[in-house]
């Protein structure tokens, strides 16, 4: 059975490239769903994603939009077994600490190797944690 993966990032070009890269490089059957807003992903949690890759800085549907850590907390409240991985361009210890405290499985900084790190992380989750 295919592993369900949610990708959440407000940068549509980046999100589309990440989805393509994951589909080309993950060595297991996967079903990838993309969302530009965290709120939209929360509305679809009934699909029971096993893995969620989410950007820390998200624009939202309204000005009170939650960041990636808050979306992580809400996902973990509803799906405690989901493996949530936060990605961000800001490599700040406080963000890493906050995301892990809210239930994130891992944290990846956006660099020129982010796509490689993401697909390796997904492969490892599927192989060792699911």
Protein backbone atom coordinates (compact mmCIF):
# COMPACT_ATOMS: atom_id res chain seq x y z
CA UNK A 1 0.00 0.00 0.00
CA UNK A 2 1.25 3.49 -0.81
CA UNK A 3 2.48 5.76 1.97
CA UNK A 4 0.47 8.98 2.09
CA UNK A 5 2.59 12.12 2.15
CA UNK A 6 1.39 15.70 2.60
CA UNK A 7 3.61 18.54 1.35
CA UNK A 8 2.74 21.99 2.69
CA UNK A 9 4.48 25.13 1.42
CA UNK A 10 3.12 28.48 0.28
CA UNK A 11 5.71 28.71 -2.52
CA UNK A 12 3.87 26.86 -5.30
CA UNK A 13 6.91 26.56 -7.59
CA UNK A 14 9.02 25.11 -4.77
CA UNK A 15 6.16 22.82 -3.74
CA UNK A 16 5.74 21.50 -7.29
CA UNK A 17 9.48 20.87 -7.68
CA UNK A 18 9.65 19.14 -4.30
CA UNK A 19 6.71 16.89 -5.21
CA UNK A 20 8.33 15.94 -8.52
CA UNK A 21 11.68 15.25 -6.82
CA UNK A 22 10.08 13.09 -4.14
CA UNK A 23 8.08 11.09 -6.67
CA UNK A 24 11.23 10.48 -8.72
CA UNK A 25 13.55 9.58 -5.82
CA UNK A 26 11.61 7.87 -3.05
CA UNK A 27 12.09 4.13 -3.44
CA UNK A 28 8.71 3.08 -2.06
CA UNK A 29 5.10 3.38 -3.27
CA UNK A 30 3.84 6.84 -2.28
CA UNK A 31 0.75 8.99 -2.69
CA UNK A 32 1.73 12.68 -2.52
CA UNK A 33 -0.77 15.47 -1.80
CA UNK A 34 0.26 19.14 -2.00
CA UNK A 35 -1.18 22.11 -0.11
CA UNK A 36 -0.32 25.81 -0.33
CA UNK A 37 -1.97 26.51 3.04
CA UNK A 38 -1.69 24.65 6.31
CA UNK A 39 -5.40 25.14 6.90
CA UNK A 40 -6.22 23.19 3.72
CA UNK A 41 -4.04 20.28 4.85
CA UNK A 42 -5.76 20.26 8.25
CA UNK A 43 -9.09 19.93 6.46
CA UNK A 44 -7.82 16.77 4.73
CA UNK A 45 -6.36 14.93 7.74
CA UNK A 46 -9.07 12.31 7.30
CA UNK A 47 -6.81 10.98 4.50
CA UNK A 48 -4.44 9.92 7.32
CA UNK A 49 -1.04 10.96 5.99
CA UNK A 50 1.83 9.00 7.50
CA UNK A 51 4.37 11.69 6.60
CA UNK A 52 3.94 15.47 6.47
CA UNK A 53 6.63 17.81 5.13
CA UNK A 54 5.82 21.39 6.09
CA UNK A 55 7.49 24.77 5.71
CA UNK A 56 7.88 26.78 8.91
CA UNK A 57 6.94 30.12 7.35
CA UNK A 58 3.51 29.86 5.75
CA UNK A 59 1.18 32.43 4.33
CA UNK A 60 -2.36 31.52 5.15
CA UNK A 61 -5.86 31.94 3.99
CA UNK A 62 -6.17 34.93 6.33
CA UNK A 63 -3.88 37.22 8.31
CA UNK A 64 -4.15 34.99 11.40
CA UNK A 65 -2.57 32.02 9.64
CA UNK A 66 -0.62 29.57 11.76
CA UNK A 67 3.07 28.90 11.15
CA UNK A 68 4.45 25.43 10.49
CA UNK A 69 5.01 24.68 14.17
CA UNK A 70 1.39 25.45 15.03
CA UNK A 71 0.18 23.34 12.09
CA UNK A 72 2.49 20.56 13.34
CA UNK A 73 0.88 20.73 16.79
CA UNK A 74 -2.61 20.50 15.28
CA UNK A 75 -1.61 17.57 13.06
CA UNK A 76 -0.06 15.69 15.99
CA UNK A 77 -3.17 16.35 18.11
CA UNK A 78 -5.32 14.59 15.48
CA UNK A 79 -2.76 12.09 14.12
CA UNK A 80 -0.23 11.31 16.85
CA UNK A 81 1.54 8.69 14.73
CA UNK A 82 2.15 11.04 11.77
CA UNK A 83 5.81 11.82 11.10
CA UNK A 84 6.04 15.59 10.60
CA UNK A 85 9.21 17.12 9.16
CA UNK A 86 9.61 20.90 9.22
CA UNK A 87 11.72 22.70 6.63
CA UNK A 88 12.75 26.34 6.70
CA UNK A 89 15.24 28.82 5.37
CA UNK A 90 15.93 30.06 8.91
CA UNK A 91 18.32 27.85 10.85
CA UNK A 92 17.49 29.11 14.34
CA UNK A 93 17.85 26.94 17.43
CA UNK A 94 14.61 28.33 18.91
CA UNK A 95 12.63 27.23 15.82
CA UNK A 96 14.18 23.76 15.90
CA UNK A 97 13.50 23.40 19.63
CA UNK A 98 9.91 24.64 19.31
CA UNK A 99 9.15 22.35 16.36
CA UNK A 100 10.53 19.26 18.13
CA UNK A 101 8.62 20.13 21.32
CA UNK A 102 5.40 20.35 19.30
CA UNK A 103 5.94 16.86 17.93
CA UNK A 104 8.03 17.21 14.77
CA UNK A 105 9.93 14.08 13.83
CA UNK A 106 12.75 16.03 12.20
CA UNK A 107 13.85 19.46 11.02
CA UNK A 108 15.58 20.31 7.73
CA UNK A 109 17.16 23.65 6.80
CA UNK A 110 16.54 24.84 3.25
CA UNK A 111 19.86 24.71 1.42
CA UNK A 112 21.06 23.48 -1.94
CA UNK A 113 20.73 19.89 -0.62
CA UNK A 114 17.21 20.16 0.82
CA UNK A 115 15.55 17.94 -1.79
CA UNK A 116 18.15 15.22 -1.17
CA UNK A 117 17.65 15.49 2.60
CA UNK A 118 13.87 15.37 2.24
CA UNK A 119 13.75 12.27 0.07
CA UNK A 120 16.37 10.53 2.26
CA UNK A 121 14.31 11.38 5.34
CA UNK A 122 11.15 10.01 3.71
CA UNK A 123 12.94 6.81 2.67
CA UNK A 124 14.25 6.37 6.23
CA UNK A 125 10.84 6.99 7.82
CA UNK A 126 9.22 4.44 5.53
CA UNK A 127 12.00 1.89 6.04
CA UNK A 128 12.50 2.23 9.80
CA UNK A 129 9.47 3.92 11.37
CA UNK A 130 6.37 2.78 9.50
